[in-house]
Amino acid sequence: MLLLMSIASHAAANDVSDEFYRLRNIDNKTLLDKGYKCIMEAKCDSSMIYYSMVVNRYYDNSYAKKDLPDIIKAMQNLGIIYMAFCYDYKKSYEYLLEAKELAERTKSYEKLPNIYNCIANILQLSKEDGNSKDATEVISMLRKSFNMSLKLKDYQTLAIAMDNLVTICFEKKGKAYNISREIKAFRKACAGKGKGEILQAFFICSAYEAYRQKDNAKAISVLEQAINTVGDNPLAYRGMLSLQGLVTRIYLDAKQYDKAIASINKAIDIARKNNCLDFINTLYHDLSDIYKEMGNQTLATKWELEYLRSNEKLQGEGQLSSVKNVKLMRELNKANEQVRELSAKRRLQNILFYCVLAVMAIIGGLLYWIYRANRKIRSNNRHLYRNYVEMLGKEEQARIQREINEKRIADLLAQFRDTQGVTPNPVSDNVEAETTQKVKYQNSRMTVDDTKELYSAVVNIMESSPEIYRLGFNVERLSELVHSRPRYVSQAINQEYGSNFNTLLNEYRIKEACCRLGGNPDYVNMTIEGIAESVGFKSRTSFGALFKSITGLSPSAYQKMSRME
């Protein structure tokens, strides 16, 4: 508050800026309340600060839709301040028109009646400055205010519009401005609500009707009662001066010049007390006109000179006020520009923040998707691992069972040979397959029994000899181990296994690699490359590709699954 007082007494520019920064984050409602409080304390410069801050948020486009009613209210109040305290009618009219257009555009109809009233006052003042006697435009604006207030049931604004309508019709005697319909509607709507502005409007309506009926005494009596109902706020004296002016008008119409002069002098005292220069100027002019009409040229000239001096002072006040306002607004605009820069930086920071949030959300989504995918892969890998381990277990059981069966067959053959002296020919399990292989190996000297016996020997080597895991192990070395020729070994493998030597060898090597990767304590500290080399593979790449084609898992995945199980 100390700062606002210093502004009112031409504070330094940096103080204005500091105050602007301090208050820039205060909500609109609080700013409006502070502005109204300053008006009640006749601190107009301070109230302009608060209202300008609200309006600037509209100009800076830094407002929400819910803020529009407050912005419209601030525009209207700035218009009133420029009209009633700064005498800058042009600036006042600009603010009021902008408030009107914004209210109409946003359908803030509850704000319009008051704005229409204020615009009517500005229009009336401009017509008085131009000595215009035509009040049609003013009456039209006041009727808009009256009708909308009536529709919205805004009785206080309705009373103000009624008061202004009657005042205009008092002053424009002889003009055909019929407001009987408005008076009737006002009395009906405000019946039983007689206090404050409403009571004052009732009085002025009664005074107007008495005046129309030539009952000047009653009209003056009622107007004096109305004057006694005027409040004590800083703008109330303007209402009091308007009512006193109506009393003067009645005396003039009755040619009671002495009483008219006394009434004007009373009004001058009120205006001087409240430093109301625009009313003082008008009252001096009225006094000059009265003395001219009375034929007293000396006093007429005196008050004409007072009028001219007052008018010059009024214009000077308006110009000085304009200079003060320009300076004040420059400081406000400068501070507001700095706030806009800060706001732009804050918006950029917010944009960056939300971009980071978006990126984090995307990354989070991707991580979640990867997590779900990995979880699914782990589940599939676990399934493949268990199936392959189960298959290895079944193959091991089948091998054991095969050894048992071979031993039993050998025992039966020996027993049969001892009793019969001949060897039985086993029947082929698959005649068609045997016929196909015979076509391929039709020049071979091996019989079916020889082939089966040789393949059994090959399988025995594959299952029991660690030599197959050495680098360079080939079909020639396998032939040596089973005491046969390479071409016979290849024939046996092709006919019995259904594929070639390399495929058979790789299958056994991969099975052994699975055992070593699956937790064999002798190989627990070995790397995958080491295990691959230990079972006869030179390259990890070829080992990995072959391992996955057989098991469905990579070596690392298989190793991980085995450790988890």
Protein backbone atom coordinates (compact mmCIF):
# COMPACT_ATOMS: atom_id res chain seq x y z
CA MET A 1 0.00 0.00 0.00
CA LEU A 2 2.94 2.33 0.65
CA LEU A 3 4.06 1.74 -2.92
CA LEU A 4 0.63 2.56 -4.31
CA MET A 5 0.64 5.80 -2.32
CA SER A 6 4.03 6.65 -3.77
CA ILE A 7 2.69 5.99 -7.26
CA ALA A 8 -0.14 8.41 -6.54
CA SER A 9 2.54 11.01 -5.72
CA HIS A 10 4.63 10.30 -8.85
CA ALA A 11 6.77 7.40 -7.64
CA ALA A 12 9.96 6.33 -9.30
CA ALA A 13 9.67 4.03 -12.29
CA ASN A 14 11.54 1.16 -10.69
CA ASP A 15 9.07 1.17 -7.77
CA VAL A 16 6.19 0.75 -10.24
CA SER A 17 8.01 -2.14 -11.90
CA ASP A 18 8.75 -3.80 -8.55
CA GLU A 19 5.13 -3.49 -7.50
CA PHE A 20 4.01 -4.81 -10.85
CA TYR A 21 6.24 -7.88 -10.42
CA ARG A 22 5.04 -8.39 -6.87
CA LEU A 23 1.39 -8.34 -7.90
CA ARG A 24 1.56 -10.08 -11.27
CA ASN A 25 0.67 -13.49 -9.84
CA ILE A 26 -2.30 -12.24 -7.80
CA ASP A 27 -5.62 -13.55 -9.09
CA ASN A 28 -8.07 -11.25 -10.88
CA LYS A 29 -10.69 -11.27 -8.10
CA THR A 30 -8.17 -9.97 -5.58
CA LEU A 31 -6.93 -7.28 -7.97
CA LEU A 32 -10.51 -6.10 -8.59
CA ASP A 33 -11.17 -5.96 -4.86
CA LYS A 34 -8.01 -3.94 -4.27
CA GLY A 35 -8.90 -1.59 -7.12
CA TYR A 36 -12.40 -1.00 -5.73
CA LYS A 37 -10.98 -0.37 -2.26
CA CYS A 38 -8.64 2.26 -3.72
CA ILE A 39 -11.57 3.97 -5.48
CA MET A 40 -13.45 4.10 -2.18
CA GLU A 41 -10.36 5.74 -0.67
CA ALA A 42 -10.10 8.15 -3.67
CA LYS A 43 -6.73 6.66 -4.69
CA CYS A 44 -7.39 6.62 -8.40
CA ASP A 45 -3.81 6.06 -9.57
CA SER A 46 -3.55 2.99 -7.37
CA SER A 47 -6.86 1.61 -8.60
CA MET A 48 -5.68 2.15 -12.19
CA ILE A 49 -2.64 -0.02 -11.43
CA TYR A 50 -4.79 -2.93 -10.28
CA TYR A 51 -7.34 -2.68 -13.07
CA SER A 52 -4.64 -2.24 -15.73
CA MET A 53 -2.95 -5.44 -14.56
CA VAL A 54 -6.18 -7.36 -15.12
CA VAL A 55 -6.78 -5.78 -18.54
CA ASN A 56 -3.16 -6.40 -19.62
CA ARG A 57 -3.71 -10.12 -19.17
CA TYR A 58 -6.30 -9.87 -21.91
CA TYR A 59 -3.97 -7.92 -24.19
CA ASP A 60 -1.17 -10.42 -23.51
CA ASN A 61 -3.49 -13.34 -24.19
CA SER A 62 -2.51 -14.76 -20.78
CA TYR A 63 -5.99 -15.45 -19.50
CA ALA A 64 -8.47 -18.29 -19.29
CA LYS A 65 -12.07 -18.20 -20.45
CA LYS A 66 -13.25 -17.98 -16.85
CA ASP A 67 -11.27 -14.72 -16.46
CA LEU A 68 -13.28 -12.82 -19.10
CA PRO A 69 -15.98 -11.45 -16.74
CA ASP A 70 -13.24 -10.01 -14.49
CA ILE A 71 -11.44 -8.49 -17.50
CA ILE A 72 -14.68 -6.87 -18.68
CA LYS A 73 -15.27 -5.47 -15.18
CA ALA A 74 -11.73 -4.04 -15.09
CA MET A 75 -12.20 -2.37 -18.49
CA GLN A 76 -15.46 -0.82 -17.33
CA ASN A 77 -13.90 0.48 -14.10
CA LEU A 78 -10.97 2.01 -16.00
CA GLY A 79 -13.53 3.78 -18.20
CA ILE A 80 -15.25 5.16 -15.10
CA ILE A 81 -11.95 6.36 -13.58
CA TYR A 82 -10.89 8.14 -16.78
CA MET A 83 -14.34 9.78 -16.97
CA ALA A 84 -14.94 10.77 -13.34
CA PHE A 85 -11.42 11.49 -12.07
CA CYS A 86 -9.13 12.09 -15.05
CA TYR A 87 -11.64 13.88 -17.33
CA ASP A 88 -10.15 11.97 -20.25
CA TYR A 89 -13.42 11.21 -22.00
CA LYS A 90 -11.78 9.80 -25.11
CA LYS A 91 -9.81 7.23 -23.16
CA SER A 92 -12.87 6.46 -21.07
CA TYR A 93 -14.99 5.91 -24.16
CA GLU A 94 -12.35 3.60 -25.68
CA TYR A 95 -12.29 1.36 -22.60
CA LEU A 96 -16.07 1.28 -22.30
CA LEU A 97 -16.55 0.42 -25.98
CA GLU A 98 -13.97 -2.35 -25.71
CA ALA A 99 -15.70 -3.71 -22.60
CA LYS A 100 -19.05 -3.57 -24.43
CA GLU A 101 -17.72 -5.39 -27.51
CA LEU A 102 -16.00 -8.06 -25.40
CA ALA A 103 -19.13 -8.61 -23.29
CA GLU A 104 -21.32 -8.89 -26.39
CA ARG A 105 -18.85 -11.22 -28.12
CA THR A 106 -18.52 -13.53 -25.11
CA LYS A 107 -22.24 -13.30 -24.28
CA SER A 108 -21.50 -11.88 -20.82
CA TYR A 109 -24.92 -10.28 -20.78
CA GLU A 110 -24.90 -9.60 -17.03
CA LYS A 111 -22.10 -7.05 -17.57
CA LEU A 112 -23.79 -5.08 -20.35
CA PRO A 113 -26.40 -2.99 -18.43
CA ASN A 114 -23.75 -1.22 -16.36
CA ILE A 115 -21.56 -0.67 -19.43
CA TYR A 116 -24.51 0.81 -21.35
CA ASN A 117 -25.11 3.20 -18.44
CA CYS A 118 -21.50 4.36 -18.44
CA ILE A 119 -21.46 4.83 -22.22
CA ALA A 120 -24.64 6.92 -21.95
CA ASN A 121 -22.91 9.16 -19.39
CA ILE A 122 -19.93 9.67 -21.72
CA LEU A 123 -22.25 10.46 -24.64
CA GLN A 124 -24.15 12.95 -22.50
CA LEU A 125 -20.94 14.69 -21.43
CA SER A 126 -19.74 14.95 -25.02
CA LYS A 127 -23.07 16.43 -26.12
CA GLU A 128 -22.94 18.97 -23.31
CA ASP A 129 -19.43 19.97 -24.42
CA GLY A 130 -20.82 20.51 -27.91
CA ASN A 131 -23.94 22.28 -26.63
CA SER A 132 -26.11 19.63 -28.26
CA LYS A 133 -29.74 19.49 -27.22
CA ASP A 134 -30.46 16.14 -28.88
CA ALA A 135 -30.35 13.27 -26.39
CA THR A 136 -31.80 10.56 -28.65
CA GLU A 137 -28.60 8.49 -28.68
CA VAL A 138 -28.22 8.81 -24.91
CA ILE A 139 -31.86 7.85 -24.31
CA SER A 140 -31.47 4.85 -26.62
CA MET A 141 -28.41 3.60 -24.72
CA LEU A 142 -30.12 4.08 -21.35
CA ARG A 143 -33.19 2.18 -22.55
CA LYS A 144 -30.93 -0.71 -23.59
CA SER A 145 -29.48 -0.70 -20.09
CA PHE A 146 -32.97 -0.49 -18.54
CA ASN A 147 -34.49 -3.30 -20.60
CA MET A 148 -31.57 -5.66 -20.12
CA SER A 149 -31.44 -4.98 -16.37
CA LEU A 150 -35.16 -5.68 -16.17
CA LYS A 151 -34.71 -8.96 -18.02
CA LEU A 152 -31.78 -10.00 -15.82
CA LYS A 153 -33.54 -8.82 -12.64
CA ASP A 154 -30.55 -6.62 -11.82
CA TYR A 155 -32.55 -4.13 -9.79
CA GLN A 156 -29.67 -1.91 -8.71
CA THR A 157 -28.54 -1.29 -12.30
CA LEU A 158 -32.20 -0.93 -13.27
CA ALA A 159 -32.53 1.88 -10.70
CA ILE A 160 -29.41 3.64 -12.03
CA ALA A 161 -30.74 3.46 -15.60
CA MET A 162 -34.12 4.78 -14.41
CA ASP A 163 -32.41 7.60 -12.53
CA ASN A 164 -30.41 8.61 -15.62
CA LEU A 165 -33.45 8.42 -17.91
CA VAL A 166 -35.48 10.72 -15.67
CA THR A 167 -32.55 13.16 -15.29
CA ILE A 168 -32.18 13.44 -19.07
CA CYS A 169 -35.92 14.01 -19.52
CA PHE A 170 -35.84 16.68 -16.79
CA GLU A 171 -33.07 18.53 -18.61
CA LYS A 172 -34.56 18.17 -22.10
CA LYS A 173 -37.88 19.83 -21.37
CA GLY A 174 -40.01 20.19 -24.46
CA LYS A 175 -38.54 17.12 -26.16
CA ALA A 176 -40.90 14.24 -26.73
CA TYR A 177 -39.11 11.66 -24.59
CA ASN A 178 -41.89 9.56 -23.13
CA ILE A 179 -40.56 7.36 -20.34
CA SER A 180 -43.89 6.58 -18.65
CA ARG A 181 -43.60 2.95 -19.72
CA GLU A 182 -40.16 2.64 -18.09
CA ILE A 183 -41.38 4.31 -14.88
CA LYS A 184 -44.31 1.94 -14.65
CA ALA A 185 -42.13 -1.13 -15.30
CA PHE A 186 -39.56 0.08 -12.75
CA ARG A 187 -42.14 0.55 -10.00
CA LYS A 188 -43.63 -2.85 -10.65
CA ALA A 189 -40.28 -4.64 -10.69
CA CYS A 190 -38.82 -2.85 -7.63
CA ALA A 191 -41.90 -2.77 -5.43
CA GLY A 192 -40.86 -3.49 -1.83
CA LYS A 193 -37.14 -2.97 -2.57
CA GLY A 194 -36.94 0.71 -1.67
CA LYS A 195 -33.42 1.46 -0.41
CA GLY A 196 -30.15 2.84 -1.76
CA GLU A 197 -30.15 3.55 -5.50
CA ILE A 198 -33.60 2.01 -5.80
CA LEU A 199 -35.12 4.39 -3.23
CA GLN A 200 -33.38 7.33 -4.92
CA ALA A 201 -34.86 6.27 -8.26
CA PHE A 202 -38.34 6.07 -6.71
CA PHE A 203 -37.94 9.65 -5.44
CA ILE A 204 -36.73 11.01 -8.75
CA CYS A 205 -39.61 9.30 -10.63
CA SER A 206 -42.10 10.94 -8.26
CA ALA A 207 -40.36 14.30 -8.66
CA TYR A 208 -40.46 13.97 -12.44
CA GLU A 209 -44.20 13.20 -12.42
CA ALA A 210 -44.88 16.16 -10.11
CA TYR A 211 -42.79 18.36 -12.39
CA ARG A 212 -44.74 17.18 -15.42
CA GLN A 213 -47.94 18.09 -13.54
CA LYS A 214 -46.59 21.60 -12.82
CA ASP A 215 -46.35 20.85 -9.09
CA ASN A 216 -42.89 22.36 -8.67
CA ALA A 217 -43.07 22.56 -4.89
CA LYS A 218 -43.69 18.81 -4.60
CA ALA A 219 -41.02 18.06 -7.19
CA ILE A 220 -38.42 20.08 -5.26
CA SER A 221 -39.48 18.53 -1.95
CA VAL A 222 -39.12 15.03 -3.35
CA LEU A 223 -35.74 15.85 -4.93
CA GLU A 224 -34.46 17.13 -1.59
CA GLN A 225 -35.52 13.84 -0.01
CA ALA A 226 -33.67 12.05 -2.82
CA ILE A 227 -30.53 14.09 -2.09
CA ASN A 228 -30.66 12.88 1.51
CA THR A 229 -30.61 9.22 0.31
CA VAL A 230 -27.31 9.64 -1.58
CA GLY A 231 -24.53 7.44 -0.19
CA ASP A 232 -21.09 8.52 1.00
CA ASN A 233 -18.80 6.81 -1.51
CA PRO A 234 -16.40 8.92 -3.66
CA LEU A 235 -18.77 8.85 -6.62
CA ALA A 236 -21.91 9.63 -4.61
CA TYR A 237 -21.37 13.40 -4.79
CA ARG A 238 -21.87 13.26 -8.55
CA GLY A 239 -25.37 11.87 -7.97
CA MET A 240 -25.97 14.59 -5.38
CA LEU A 241 -24.85 17.28 -7.85
CA SER A 242 -27.11 15.85 -10.55
CA LEU A 243 -30.11 16.00 -8.20
CA GLN A 244 -29.21 19.54 -7.13
CA GLY A 245 -29.05 20.44 -10.80
CA LEU A 246 -32.62 19.21 -11.27
CA VAL A 247 -33.72 21.47 -8.39
CA THR A 248 -32.00 24.38 -10.16
CA ARG A 249 -33.74 23.44 -13.42
CA ILE A 250 -37.17 23.61 -11.78
CA TYR A 251 -36.42 27.04 -10.27
CA LEU A 252 -35.25 28.34 -13.64
CA ASP A 253 -38.36 27.06 -15.39
CA ALA A 254 -40.42 28.91 -12.77
CA LYS A 255 -38.28 32.06 -13.28
CA GLN A 256 -37.29 31.93 -9.61
CA TYR A 257 -33.76 33.13 -10.32
CA ASP A 258 -32.76 33.88 -6.74
CA LYS A 259 -33.60 30.35 -5.66
CA ALA A 260 -31.91 28.97 -8.76
CA ILE A 261 -28.75 30.92 -7.93
CA ALA A 262 -28.89 29.71 -4.32
CA SER A 263 -29.26 26.15 -5.55
CA ILE A 264 -26.27 26.56 -7.89
CA ASN A 265 -24.14 28.02 -5.11
CA LYS A 266 -25.01 25.04 -2.93
CA ALA A 267 -23.96 22.74 -5.75
CA ILE A 268 -20.72 24.71 -6.25
CA ASP A 269 -19.85 24.19 -2.57
CA ILE A 270 -20.35 20.42 -2.98
CA ALA A 271 -18.31 20.36 -6.20
CA ARG A 272 -15.45 22.41 -4.73
CA LYS A 273 -15.36 20.21 -1.66
CA ASN A 274 -14.92 17.15 -3.86
CA ASN A 275 -12.71 18.89 -6.45
CA CYS A 276 -15.21 18.02 -9.17
CA LEU A 277 -13.86 20.31 -11.89
CA ASP A 278 -16.26 19.25 -14.64
CA PHE A 279 -19.32 20.10 -12.50
CA ILE A 280 -17.74 23.36 -11.31
CA ASN A 281 -17.16 24.33 -14.92
CA THR A 282 -20.80 23.63 -15.83
CA LEU A 283 -22.15 25.45 -12.77
CA TYR A 284 -20.14 28.59 -13.56
CA HIS A 285 -21.54 28.56 -17.08
CA ASP A 286 -25.09 28.15 -15.71
CA LEU A 287 -24.58 31.13 -13.37
CA SER A 288 -23.41 33.28 -16.28
CA ASP A 289 -26.48 32.29 -18.31
CA ILE A 290 -28.83 33.10 -15.41
CA TYR A 291 -27.37 36.57 -14.87
CA LYS A 292 -27.56 37.24 -18.61
CA GLU A 293 -31.22 36.27 -18.54
CA MET A 294 -31.72 38.53 -15.52
CA GLY A 295 -30.02 41.39 -17.39
CA ASN A 296 -27.13 41.68 -14.91
CA GLN A 297 -24.27 41.93 -17.41
CA THR A 298 -21.62 42.64 -14.76
CA LEU A 299 -22.21 39.39 -12.87
CA ALA A 300 -22.78 37.56 -16.14
CA THR A 301 -19.34 38.66 -17.31
CA LYS A 302 -17.81 37.77 -13.95
CA TRP A 303 -19.08 34.21 -14.06
CA GLU A 304 -18.27 33.97 -17.75
CA LEU A 305 -14.64 34.71 -16.85
CA GLU A 306 -14.82 32.16 -13.99
CA TYR A 307 -16.19 29.69 -16.47
CA LEU A 308 -13.33 30.32 -18.92
CA ARG A 309 -10.71 30.03 -16.17
CA SER A 310 -12.35 26.85 -14.90
CA ASN A 311 -12.55 25.47 -18.39
CA GLU A 312 -8.86 26.20 -18.93
CA LYS A 313 -8.05 24.55 -15.63
CA LEU A 314 -10.20 21.57 -16.51
CA GLN A 315 -8.40 21.18 -19.82
CA GLY A 316 -5.07 21.56 -18.03
CA GLU A 317 -6.07 18.91 -15.51
CA GLY A 318 -7.07 16.66 -18.36
CA GLN A 319 -3.77 17.24 -20.11
CA LEU A 320 -1.80 16.80 -16.89
CA SER A 321 -3.76 13.67 -16.15
CA SER A 322 -3.01 12.43 -19.65
CA VAL A 323 0.71 13.09 -19.12
CA LYS A 324 0.63 11.28 -15.79
CA ASN A 325 -1.30 8.42 -17.30
CA VAL A 326 1.06 8.20 -20.28
CA LYS A 327 4.03 8.04 -17.93
CA LEU A 328 2.31 5.55 -15.70
CA MET A 329 1.19 3.41 -18.63
CA ARG A 330 4.69 3.50 -20.12
CA GLU A 331 6.07 2.11 -16.89
CA LEU A 332 3.31 -0.46 -16.74
CA ASN A 333 3.92 -1.45 -20.35
CA LYS A 334 7.65 -1.67 -19.74
CA ALA A 335 7.15 -3.87 -16.70
CA ASN A 336 4.51 -5.84 -18.55
CA GLU A 337 6.91 -6.40 -21.45
CA GLN A 338 9.44 -7.84 -19.05
CA VAL A 339 6.74 -10.05 -17.58
CA ARG A 340 5.83 -11.19 -21.11
CA GLU A 341 9.46 -12.14 -21.67
CA LEU A 342 9.47 -14.08 -18.42
CA SER A 343 6.16 -15.67 -19.42
CA ALA A 344 7.62 -16.62 -22.80
CA LYS A 345 10.59 -18.22 -21.09
CA ARG A 346 8.25 -19.99 -18.71
CA ARG A 347 6.15 -21.21 -21.63
CA LEU A 348 9.31 -22.46 -23.34
CA GLN A 349 10.33 -24.21 -20.15
CA ASN A 350 6.87 -25.74 -19.92
CA ILE A 351 7.08 -26.87 -23.53
CA LEU A 352 10.48 -28.44 -22.90
CA PHE A 353 9.19 -30.00 -19.71
CA TYR A 354 6.19 -31.52 -21.46
CA CYS A 355 8.42 -32.65 -24.34
CA VAL A 356 10.68 -34.38 -21.83
CA LEU A 357 7.62 -35.89 -20.20
CA ALA A 358 6.40 -37.07 -23.61
CA VAL A 359 9.79 -38.57 -24.44
CA MET A 360 9.90 -40.22 -21.03
CA ALA A 361 6.39 -41.54 -21.59
CA ILE A 362 7.42 -42.91 -24.98
CA ILE A 363 10.56 -44.41 -23.50
CA GLY A 364 8.51 -45.81 -20.66
CA GLY A 365 6.05 -47.27 -23.14
CA LEU A 366 8.88 -48.76 -25.16
CA LEU A 367 10.49 -50.18 -22.03
CA TYR A 368 7.18 -51.65 -20.99
CA TRP A 369 6.71 -53.10 -24.48
CA ILE A 370 10.25 -54.50 -24.36
CA TYR A 371 9.54 -55.88 -20.90
CA ARG A 372 6.38 -57.59 -22.13
CA ALA A 373 8.19 -58.85 -25.22
CA ASN A 374 11.09 -60.13 -23.15
CA ARG A 375 8.70 -61.72 -20.75
CA LYS A 376 7.01 -63.47 -23.64
CA ILE A 377 10.38 -64.48 -25.08
CA ARG A 378 11.47 -65.80 -21.69
CA SER A 379 8.25 -67.77 -21.46
CA ASN A 380 8.79 -69.20 -24.95
CA ASN A 381 12.43 -69.91 -24.19
CA ARG A 382 11.47 -71.65 -20.98
CA HIS A 383 8.97 -73.74 -22.92
CA LEU A 384 11.55 -74.59 -25.61
CA TYR A 385 14.17 -75.39 -22.99
CA ARG A 386 11.87 -77.72 -21.09
CA ASN A 387 10.74 -79.42 -24.26
CA TYR A 388 14.33 -79.93 -25.41
CA VAL A 389 15.46 -81.16 -22.00
CA GLU A 390 12.48 -83.50 -22.00
CA MET A 391 13.43 -84.71 -25.48
CA LEU A 392 17.01 -85.29 -24.34
CA GLY A 393 15.72 -87.22 -21.37
CA LYS A 394 13.52 -89.36 -23.61
CA GLU A 395 16.43 -89.96 -25.99
CA GLU A 396 18.58 -91.00 -23.05
CA GLN A 397 15.87 -93.38 -21.88
CA ALA A 398 15.51 -94.66 -25.44
CA ARG A 399 19.29 -95.22 -25.62
CA ILE A 400 19.27 -97.14 -22.38
CA GLN A 401 16.27 -99.14 -23.51
CA ARG A 402 17.98 -99.76 -26.87
CA GLU A 403 21.07 -101.09 -25.11
CA ILE A 404 18.89 -103.36 -23.03
CA ASN A 405 17.04 -104.55 -26.14
CA GLU A 406 20.28 -105.08 -28.08
CA LYS A 407 21.68 -107.08 -25.23
CA ARG A 408 18.52 -109.12 -24.99
CA ILE A 409 18.45 -109.66 -28.77
CA ALA A 410 22.07 -110.74 -28.65
CA ASP A 411 21.26 -113.20 -25.89
CA LEU A 412 18.27 -114.57 -27.82
CA LEU A 413 20.29 -114.90 -31.02
CA ALA A 414 23.03 -116.73 -29.18
CA GLN A 415 20.48 -119.02 -27.58
CA PHE A 416 18.76 -119.60 -30.93
CA ARG A 417 22.09 -120.27 -32.67
CA ASP A 418 22.97 -122.82 -30.03
CA THR A 419 19.69 -124.70 -30.44
CA GLN A 420 19.12 -124.45 -34.29
CA GLY A 421 22.55 -123.84 -35.69
CA VAL A 422 21.29 -121.06 -38.06
CA THR A 423 20.87 -117.31 -37.79
CA PRO A 424 17.34 -115.88 -38.38
CA ASN A 425 16.89 -112.99 -40.79
CA PRO A 426 15.17 -110.07 -39.10
CA VAL A 427 12.26 -108.63 -40.98
CA SER A 428 12.65 -105.01 -42.12
CA ASP A 429 10.41 -102.57 -40.35
CA ASN A 430 9.93 -100.56 -43.49
CA VAL A 431 9.98 -102.45 -46.76
CA GLU A 432 9.33 -99.38 -48.89
CA ALA A 433 12.19 -97.38 -47.30
CA GLU A 434 14.47 -100.42 -47.61
CA THR A 435 13.59 -100.76 -51.30
CA THR A 436 14.36 -97.05 -51.90
CA GLN A 437 17.77 -97.32 -50.17
CA LYS A 438 18.53 -100.52 -52.12
CA VAL A 439 18.08 -98.64 -55.36
CA LYS A 440 20.58 -96.01 -54.17
CA TYR A 441 23.06 -98.54 -52.83
CA GLN A 442 22.28 -101.40 -55.24
CA ASN A 443 25.96 -101.91 -55.97
CA SER A 444 26.87 -102.02 -52.25
CA ARG A 445 28.03 -105.35 -50.79
CA MET A 446 26.44 -104.62 -47.40
CA THR A 447 23.29 -106.45 -46.45
CA VAL A 448 20.51 -104.94 -44.35
CA ASP A 449 21.87 -106.70 -41.31
CA ASP A 450 25.32 -105.36 -41.98
CA THR A 451 23.95 -101.84 -42.29
CA LYS A 452 22.05 -102.06 -39.03
CA GLU A 453 24.98 -103.55 -37.22
CA LEU A 454 27.35 -100.89 -38.56
CA TYR A 455 24.99 -98.01 -37.66
CA SER A 456 24.63 -99.47 -34.16
CA ALA A 457 28.39 -99.33 -33.86
CA VAL A 458 28.40 -95.75 -35.12
CA VAL A 459 25.76 -94.75 -32.57
CA ASN A 460 27.76 -96.45 -29.84
CA ILE A 461 30.82 -94.39 -30.76
CA MET A 462 28.77 -91.20 -30.93
CA GLU A 463 27.31 -91.81 -27.50
CA SER A 464 30.40 -93.00 -25.68
CA SER A 465 33.56 -91.70 -27.34
CA PRO A 466 34.85 -88.22 -26.37
CA GLU A 467 36.89 -88.23 -29.57
CA ILE A 468 33.92 -86.96 -31.59
CA TYR A 469 34.26 -83.58 -29.84
CA ARG A 470 37.77 -83.00 -31.11
CA LEU A 471 38.43 -80.55 -33.90
CA GLY A 472 38.89 -82.29 -37.22
CA PHE A 473 36.93 -85.43 -36.32
CA ASN A 474 35.61 -86.79 -39.61
CA VAL A 475 33.98 -89.80 -41.21
CA GLU A 476 37.37 -91.40 -41.93
CA ARG A 477 38.23 -91.37 -38.23
CA LEU A 478 34.78 -92.70 -37.37
CA SER A 479 35.31 -95.52 -39.88
CA GLU A 480 38.53 -96.42 -38.15
CA LEU A 481 36.76 -96.53 -34.78
CA VAL A 482 34.02 -98.85 -36.07
CA HIS A 483 36.50 -100.89 -38.18
CA SER A 484 34.80 -100.23 -41.50
CA ARG A 485 35.21 -98.19 -44.62
CA PRO A 486 34.04 -94.56 -44.93
CA ARG A 487 31.63 -95.37 -47.76
CA TYR A 488 29.98 -98.09 -45.70
CA VAL A 489 29.76 -95.83 -42.66
CA SER A 490 28.14 -93.09 -44.79
CA GLN A 491 25.73 -95.69 -46.24
CA ALA A 492 24.76 -96.92 -42.80
CA ILE A 493 24.20 -93.38 -41.51
CA ASN A 494 22.17 -92.39 -44.56
CA GLN A 495 20.02 -95.52 -44.47
CA GLU A 496 19.44 -95.68 -40.73
CA TYR A 497 19.68 -92.04 -39.60
CA GLY A 498 18.17 -90.48 -42.73
CA SER A 499 20.85 -87.81 -43.17
CA ASN A 500 24.60 -87.42 -43.61
CA PHE A 501 27.56 -87.78 -41.25
CA ASN A 502 27.97 -84.05 -40.55
CA THR A 503 24.35 -83.67 -39.50
CA LEU A 504 24.63 -86.65 -37.16
CA LEU A 505 27.91 -85.39 -35.72
CA ASN A 506 26.55 -81.88 -35.16
CA GLU A 507 23.47 -83.22 -33.41
CA TYR A 508 25.60 -85.18 -30.91
CA ARG A 509 27.93 -82.25 -30.39
CA ILE A 510 24.98 -79.91 -29.74
CA LYS A 511 23.49 -82.41 -27.27
CA GLU A 512 26.79 -82.48 -25.40
CA ALA A 513 26.97 -78.66 -25.50
CA CYS A 514 23.49 -78.55 -23.91
CA CYS A 515 24.72 -80.75 -21.09
CA ARG A 516 27.78 -78.56 -20.54
CA LEU A 517 25.73 -75.37 -20.71
CA GLY A 518 23.06 -76.87 -18.48
CA GLY A 519 25.08 -76.80 -15.29
CA ASN A 520 27.76 -79.49 -15.65
CA PRO A 521 30.11 -78.59 -12.78
CA ASP A 522 33.20 -79.31 -14.92
CA TYR A 523 32.25 -76.55 -17.35
CA VAL A 524 30.48 -74.04 -15.09
CA ASN A 525 33.28 -71.47 -15.40
CA MET A 526 33.72 -71.80 -19.14
CA THR A 527 32.51 -69.23 -21.62
CA ILE A 528 30.17 -70.09 -24.47
CA GLU A 529 33.12 -69.83 -26.87
CA GLY A 530 35.07 -72.25 -24.70
CA ILE A 531 32.18 -74.73 -24.58
CA ALA A 532 31.69 -74.42 -28.35
CA GLU A 533 35.38 -75.21 -28.88
CA SER A 534 35.25 -78.03 -26.35
CA VAL A 535 32.63 -79.87 -28.42
CA GLY A 536 34.45 -79.39 -31.75
CA PHE A 537 33.30 -76.03 -33.18
CA LYS A 538 35.85 -73.49 -34.40
CA SER A 539 33.45 -70.55 -34.69
CA ARG A 540 30.96 -69.29 -32.14
CA THR A 541 28.83 -67.90 -34.98
CA SER A 542 28.40 -71.26 -36.69
CA PHE A 543 27.94 -72.91 -33.28
CA GLY A 544 25.22 -70.39 -32.30
CA ALA A 545 23.34 -70.73 -35.60
CA LEU A 546 23.45 -74.53 -35.47
CA PHE A 547 22.54 -74.58 -31.77
CA LYS A 548 19.44 -72.42 -32.34
CA SER A 549 18.34 -74.42 -35.41
CA ILE A 550 18.37 -77.60 -33.32
CA THR A 551 17.13 -76.39 -29.92
CA GLY A 552 15.19 -73.28 -30.89
CA LEU A 553 17.26 -71.23 -28.37
CA SER A 554 20.52 -69.34 -28.51
CA PRO A 555 23.36 -70.80 -26.39
CA SER A 556 23.18 -67.87 -23.96
CA ALA A 557 19.39 -68.18 -23.59
CA TYR A 558 19.69 -71.90 -23.03
CA GLN A 559 22.38 -71.37 -20.40
CA LYS A 560 20.24 -68.73 -18.66
CA MET A 561 17.19 -70.99 -18.67
CA SER A 562 19.19 -73.87 -17.21
CA ARG A 563 20.39 -71.68 -14.37
CA MET A 564 16.85 -70.45 -13.65
CA GLU A 565 15.36 -73.92 -13.54
